[in-house]
Amino acid sequence: MDEGINQYYEMRIMDYLYGSSTSAVAAWGVNIGDTEFDRFSYTSMDNPSIAPISTPTWKLPRRGGSAITYFKTATVMQTLDGLLGRAVMDSIMKTYFQRWRFRHPCRRDFVAVFNELAPALTDKRYGPDMNWFFHETLDSTGICDYELTALYSFPNEEQDSSKDRYSTVVLASRLGEVATPVEIEVTFTDGSTARQQWSGQERYTKLTFTSPTRAVNAVIDPDHRIALDVNVLNNSRALDPSSSVVNRYFTKVLFWVQNLFQMASLF
C-alpha cells in the first residue's frame, strides 16, 4: 500500500524524465531503464515465491522480503497497467487518490476501486471484476511464466487459393501458476503479422494461423504487457535456426550482464 505503489510511480517518473533505456544503467552498450531494473530485481530473486505480497511486512523474511514489498508489487502494478492500458490505469488511480486522500485506505479499499471501475472502463474485457488478478498476484506465491513451446509452418494442401497457402501452428505453454490473458503474434516472410489472444487458463494451447506466406517467427506477449513473466527468454521461437540461436544466446548474455549490474548496485 505504500512502498510498492510508490515504486511503480518512481519507475514511470524516472523513465519519463530520463528515458526508458537510460535512467538506471547506461554503460558499455547496455541500457537499462528504471522499469526494467526493478522488474529484474524481482524476477532474478533466488526464490520469487518466498511469500505473498499480502504478507504483513514484519512477517516477511529478512532475505528477499524487501524485493517482494517493493519490486514485486511494482511489477504487479506494471502488469496491471499493461493489461488495462495506461489511460484506464490512470483514471482508476486518480479515483482511488481522490476518494482516499488524507485517510487510511487498506488493501480492500484499493481492490474495490479497481473492481468498480475496470470492468466499466474496459467493457468487461477481463470479467465482472479484477479479483482473479489480485488473488493470483497479491495472495499467491505463484510465478508467471509463459513459453512458446513449438512453431510449425507448412503449405496448406487443402487450400487452392493463394490467400491461404500456408498454415502455421503455434504451441504455447503456461509453466507458472499465475494465469493472465496474453497475446501471441506470428510474423510472416512478407512482413505481415497476425495475433490471437489466449486466456492463459489452460496449461497449454494450440493456435492455428493461415496466410499467403510462411511464418518467420512467433512471440508471446509482443507488447511486453505481462511484466510479471519471470523468463522472457522462452517467449519466442524462429524458424530460421541461424538467427534464432544467435539471438537467443545474445539475449541470455545480456540478461546476466543486467543482473551483474544489479548486484553491483547493492554495494
Protein backbone atom coordinates (compact mmCIF):
# COMPACT_ATOMS: atom_id res chain seq x y z
CA MET A 1 0.00 0.00 0.00
CA ASP A 2 2.98 2.29 0.39
CA GLU A 3 6.39 1.17 -0.86
CA GLY A 4 5.22 -0.94 -3.81
CA ILE A 5 2.81 1.61 -5.27
CA ASN A 6 5.38 4.36 -4.80
CA GLN A 7 7.97 2.18 -6.53
CA TYR A 8 5.65 1.78 -9.52
CA TYR A 9 5.31 5.55 -9.87
CA GLU A 10 9.04 6.03 -9.39
CA MET A 11 9.54 3.69 -12.37
CA ARG A 12 7.19 5.72 -14.51
CA ILE A 13 8.64 9.09 -13.49
CA MET A 14 12.27 8.02 -13.93
CA ASP A 15 11.63 6.52 -17.36
CA TYR A 16 9.68 9.60 -18.41
CA LEU A 17 12.39 12.01 -17.29
CA TYR A 18 15.49 10.10 -18.34
CA GLY A 19 14.28 7.63 -20.96
CA SER A 20 13.11 4.06 -20.64
CA SER A 21 16.53 2.66 -21.53
CA THR A 22 18.94 5.03 -19.80
CA SER A 23 17.77 6.01 -16.32
CA ALA A 24 19.22 3.15 -14.26
CA VAL A 25 22.23 1.81 -16.17
CA ALA A 26 23.88 3.06 -19.37
CA ALA A 27 27.34 1.59 -19.87
CA TRP A 28 29.23 -0.50 -22.45
CA GLY A 29 26.23 -0.64 -24.75
CA VAL A 30 23.94 -1.98 -22.01
CA ASN A 31 20.98 0.30 -21.31
CA ILE A 32 18.50 -0.44 -18.57
CA GLY A 33 15.65 1.83 -17.58
CA ASP A 34 14.24 2.06 -14.09
CA THR A 35 11.25 -0.12 -15.01
CA GLU A 36 13.40 -2.99 -16.27
CA PHE A 37 15.82 -2.58 -13.38
CA ASP A 38 13.01 -3.01 -10.87
CA ARG A 39 11.46 -5.90 -12.80
CA PHE A 40 14.73 -7.81 -12.77
CA SER A 41 15.12 -7.09 -9.08
CA TYR A 42 12.03 -9.26 -8.62
CA THR A 43 12.44 -11.86 -11.38
CA SER A 44 16.09 -12.56 -10.54
CA MET A 45 15.37 -13.34 -6.88
CA ASP A 46 16.69 -16.68 -5.62
CA ASN A 47 13.13 -17.54 -4.65
CA PRO A 48 10.47 -15.24 -6.15
CA SER A 49 7.83 -17.43 -4.46
CA ILE A 50 9.17 -16.77 -0.98
CA ALA A 51 5.98 -15.08 0.28
CA PRO A 52 2.75 -13.44 -0.94
CA ILE A 53 2.68 -9.67 -1.28
CA SER A 54 -0.24 -9.60 1.17
CA THR A 55 2.05 -10.85 3.96
CA PRO A 56 2.45 -8.17 6.67
CA THR A 57 5.87 -6.59 6.33
CA TRP A 58 7.04 -7.61 9.79
CA LYS A 59 6.36 -11.27 8.91
CA LEU A 60 8.39 -11.25 5.70
CA PRO A 61 11.78 -12.98 5.75
CA ARG A 62 14.72 -10.61 6.01
CA ARG A 63 16.29 -12.08 2.88
CA GLY A 64 14.02 -11.29 -0.05
CA GLY A 65 11.31 -9.52 1.88
CA SER A 66 12.13 -6.07 0.56
CA ALA A 67 12.12 -7.33 -3.04
CA ILE A 68 8.60 -8.68 -2.52
CA THR A 69 7.39 -5.44 -0.90
CA TYR A 70 8.99 -3.03 -3.36
CA PHE A 71 9.80 -4.73 -6.63
CA LYS A 72 7.20 -7.48 -6.94
CA THR A 73 4.42 -5.05 -6.01
CA ALA A 74 5.71 -2.54 -8.56
CA THR A 75 5.86 -5.28 -11.19
CA VAL A 76 2.29 -6.32 -10.37
CA MET A 77 1.23 -2.70 -10.86
CA GLN A 78 3.17 -2.56 -14.12
CA THR A 79 1.37 -5.71 -15.33
CA LEU A 80 -1.99 -4.27 -14.33
CA ASP A 81 -1.05 -1.15 -16.30
CA GLY A 82 -0.21 -3.30 -19.32
CA LEU A 83 -3.46 -5.26 -19.17
CA LEU A 84 -5.81 -2.33 -18.62
CA GLY A 85 -3.96 0.30 -20.65
CA ARG A 86 -2.30 3.47 -19.36
CA ALA A 87 -5.40 5.69 -19.73
CA VAL A 88 -7.62 3.28 -17.78
CA MET A 89 -4.93 2.73 -15.15
CA ASP A 90 -4.50 6.46 -14.59
CA SER A 91 -8.25 7.03 -14.39
CA ILE A 92 -8.65 4.34 -11.72
CA MET A 93 -5.67 5.52 -9.69
CA LYS A 94 -6.91 9.11 -9.85
CA THR A 95 -10.27 7.99 -8.47
CA TYR A 96 -8.54 5.98 -5.74
CA PHE A 97 -6.47 9.02 -4.75
CA GLN A 98 -9.43 11.39 -4.70
CA ARG A 99 -11.53 9.06 -2.57
CA TRP A 100 -8.90 8.17 -0.03
CA ARG A 101 -6.61 11.20 0.26
CA PHE A 102 -5.85 12.20 3.86
CA ARG A 103 -7.42 8.92 5.02
CA HIS A 104 -6.15 5.42 5.73
CA PRO A 105 -7.16 3.01 2.96
CA CYS A 106 -6.37 -0.67 3.21
CA ARG A 107 -5.86 -3.34 0.59
CA ARG A 108 -9.63 -3.98 0.45
CA ASP A 109 -10.33 -0.33 -0.47
CA PHE A 110 -7.66 -0.37 -3.18
CA VAL A 111 -9.05 -3.53 -4.81
CA ALA A 112 -12.63 -2.25 -4.55
CA VAL A 113 -11.86 0.77 -6.73
CA PHE A 114 -10.40 -1.47 -9.45
CA ASN A 115 -13.34 -3.88 -9.21
CA GLU A 116 -15.75 -0.99 -9.62
CA LEU A 117 -14.08 0.88 -12.48
CA ALA A 118 -12.02 -1.61 -14.50
CA PRO A 119 -15.00 -3.59 -15.89
CA ALA A 120 -16.81 -0.41 -16.88
CA LEU A 121 -13.77 1.20 -18.50
CA THR A 122 -12.73 -1.94 -20.41
CA ASP A 123 -16.22 -3.17 -21.38
CA LYS A 124 -15.73 -6.16 -19.06
CA ARG A 125 -12.77 -7.38 -21.10
CA TYR A 126 -11.45 -9.25 -18.06
CA GLY A 127 -14.74 -10.21 -16.48
CA PRO A 128 -17.10 -8.62 -13.94
CA ASP A 129 -14.25 -7.76 -11.54
CA MET A 130 -10.48 -8.00 -11.13
CA ASN A 131 -10.50 -10.32 -8.12
CA TRP A 132 -8.90 -13.08 -10.19
CA PHE A 133 -5.88 -10.88 -10.85
CA PHE A 134 -5.43 -9.67 -7.29
CA HIS A 135 -5.89 -13.16 -5.86
CA GLU A 136 -3.13 -14.57 -8.05
CA THR A 137 -0.72 -11.67 -7.60
CA LEU A 138 -1.31 -10.48 -4.01
CA ASP A 139 -2.41 -13.62 -2.15
CA SER A 140 -0.47 -16.28 -4.04
CA THR A 141 3.21 -17.18 -4.12
CA GLY A 142 2.91 -18.44 -7.70
CA ILE A 143 5.01 -17.10 -10.54
CA CYS A 144 4.05 -16.17 -14.09
CA ASP A 145 5.95 -17.90 -16.89
CA TYR A 146 4.77 -18.44 -20.45
CA GLU A 147 6.68 -20.47 -23.04
CA LEU A 148 6.47 -20.55 -26.84
CA THR A 149 6.89 -24.32 -26.97
CA ALA A 150 6.78 -25.04 -30.70
CA LEU A 151 6.29 -23.35 -34.07
CA TYR A 152 5.46 -25.03 -37.38
CA SER A 153 4.64 -23.51 -40.78
CA PHE A 154 3.80 -25.62 -43.83
CA PRO A 155 1.97 -25.46 -47.19
CA ASN A 156 -1.77 -25.91 -46.85
CA GLU A 157 -2.66 -28.56 -49.40
CA GLU A 158 -6.38 -28.21 -48.76
CA GLN A 159 -6.46 -24.59 -49.95
CA ASP A 160 -6.21 -23.80 -53.67
CA SER A 161 -6.49 -20.06 -53.10
CA SER A 162 -3.21 -18.13 -52.87
CA LYS A 163 -4.70 -16.24 -49.95
CA ASP A 164 -4.33 -19.19 -47.55
CA ARG A 165 -1.40 -21.12 -48.97
CA TYR A 166 0.28 -21.73 -45.60
CA SER A 167 -0.83 -22.95 -42.19
CA THR A 168 1.15 -22.03 -39.11
CA VAL A 169 0.72 -23.86 -35.81
CA VAL A 170 1.85 -22.35 -32.52
CA LEU A 171 2.04 -24.32 -29.27
CA ALA A 172 2.20 -22.18 -26.13
CA SER A 173 2.52 -23.36 -22.52
CA ARG A 174 1.88 -21.87 -19.10
CA LEU A 175 4.72 -23.06 -16.88
CA GLY A 176 3.84 -20.97 -13.81
CA GLU A 177 0.76 -20.80 -11.61
CA VAL A 178 -0.28 -17.23 -12.42
CA ALA A 179 -2.65 -17.11 -15.40
CA THR A 180 -3.32 -13.88 -17.25
CA PRO A 181 -4.65 -13.24 -20.77
CA VAL A 182 -1.77 -12.90 -23.23
CA GLU A 183 -1.39 -12.20 -26.94
CA ILE A 184 0.60 -14.35 -29.37
CA GLU A 185 1.93 -12.78 -32.56
CA VAL A 186 3.24 -14.51 -35.69
CA THR A 187 5.37 -12.71 -38.29
CA PHE A 188 5.42 -13.95 -41.89
CA THR A 189 8.00 -13.72 -44.67
CA ASP A 190 6.08 -10.94 -46.44
CA GLY A 191 6.40 -8.77 -43.32
CA SER A 192 2.78 -9.11 -42.25
CA THR A 193 1.75 -10.15 -38.74
CA ALA A 194 -1.23 -11.82 -37.12
CA ARG A 195 -2.27 -12.02 -33.48
CA GLN A 196 -4.51 -14.17 -31.36
CA GLN A 197 -5.31 -13.86 -27.66
CA TRP A 198 -5.00 -16.76 -25.25
CA SER A 199 -6.77 -16.70 -21.89
CA GLY A 200 -3.81 -18.45 -20.28
CA GLN A 201 -6.15 -20.57 -18.17
CA GLU A 202 -5.09 -23.88 -19.69
CA ARG A 203 -1.62 -25.32 -19.22
CA TYR A 204 -1.09 -25.23 -22.99
CA THR A 205 -2.86 -24.13 -26.15
CA LYS A 206 -2.60 -24.77 -29.86
CA LEU A 207 -3.26 -21.86 -32.21
CA THR A 208 -3.51 -22.05 -35.99
CA PHE A 209 -2.90 -19.20 -38.43
CA THR A 210 -3.44 -19.21 -42.21
CA SER A 211 -1.60 -16.82 -44.53
CA PRO A 212 -0.28 -16.39 -48.08
CA THR A 213 3.32 -16.84 -46.90
CA ARG A 214 5.35 -18.94 -44.48
CA ALA A 215 5.91 -17.88 -40.88
CA VAL A 216 9.26 -16.47 -39.76
CA ASN A 217 8.81 -16.35 -36.00
CA ALA A 218 6.27 -16.20 -33.19
CA VAL A 219 6.32 -14.43 -29.84
CA ILE A 220 4.22 -14.45 -26.68
CA ASP A 221 3.33 -11.00 -25.31
CA PRO A 222 4.84 -8.95 -28.16
CA ASP A 223 4.00 -5.65 -26.45
CA HIS A 224 5.55 -6.70 -23.12
CA ARG A 225 2.36 -6.14 -21.16
CA ILE A 226 2.92 -9.01 -18.74
CA ALA A 227 5.86 -7.69 -16.75
CA LEU A 228 5.40 -10.49 -14.19
CA ASP A 229 6.63 -13.10 -16.67
CA VAL A 230 9.81 -14.23 -14.92
CA ASN A 231 11.52 -15.65 -18.01
CA VAL A 232 11.14 -13.79 -21.29
CA LEU A 233 13.88 -15.87 -22.93
CA ASN A 234 11.38 -18.65 -23.67
CA ASN A 235 8.71 -16.34 -25.11
CA SER A 236 9.69 -16.63 -28.77
CA ARG A 237 10.75 -19.05 -31.48
CA ALA A 238 12.03 -18.55 -35.01
CA LEU A 239 12.05 -20.89 -38.00
CA ASP A 240 15.47 -19.64 -39.14
CA PRO A 241 17.88 -21.53 -36.84
CA SER A 242 20.89 -19.42 -37.77
CA SER A 243 19.36 -16.21 -36.46
CA SER A 244 17.28 -17.67 -33.64
CA VAL A 245 20.24 -19.38 -31.93
CA VAL A 246 22.45 -16.27 -32.10
CA ASN A 247 19.67 -14.01 -30.83
CA ARG A 248 18.74 -16.40 -28.04
CA TYR A 249 22.28 -16.67 -26.67
CA PHE A 250 22.86 -12.94 -27.05
CA THR A 251 19.72 -12.33 -25.01
CA LYS A 252 20.94 -14.73 -22.33
CA VAL A 253 24.30 -12.95 -22.11
CA LEU A 254 22.53 -9.61 -21.89
CA PHE A 255 20.30 -10.97 -19.11
CA TRP A 256 23.30 -11.94 -16.97
CA VAL A 257 25.07 -8.65 -17.65
CA GLN A 258 21.96 -6.87 -16.42
CA ASN A 259 21.95 -8.97 -13.26
CA LEU A 260 25.65 -8.24 -12.74
CA PHE A 261 24.90 -4.52 -12.75
CA GLN A 262 22.04 -5.12 -10.34
CA MET A 263 24.30 -6.94 -7.88
CA ALA A 264 26.97 -4.24 -8.17
CA SER A 265 24.42 -1.58 -7.27
CA LEU A 266 23.89 -3.21 -3.87
CA PHE A 267 27.39 -2.38 -2.71
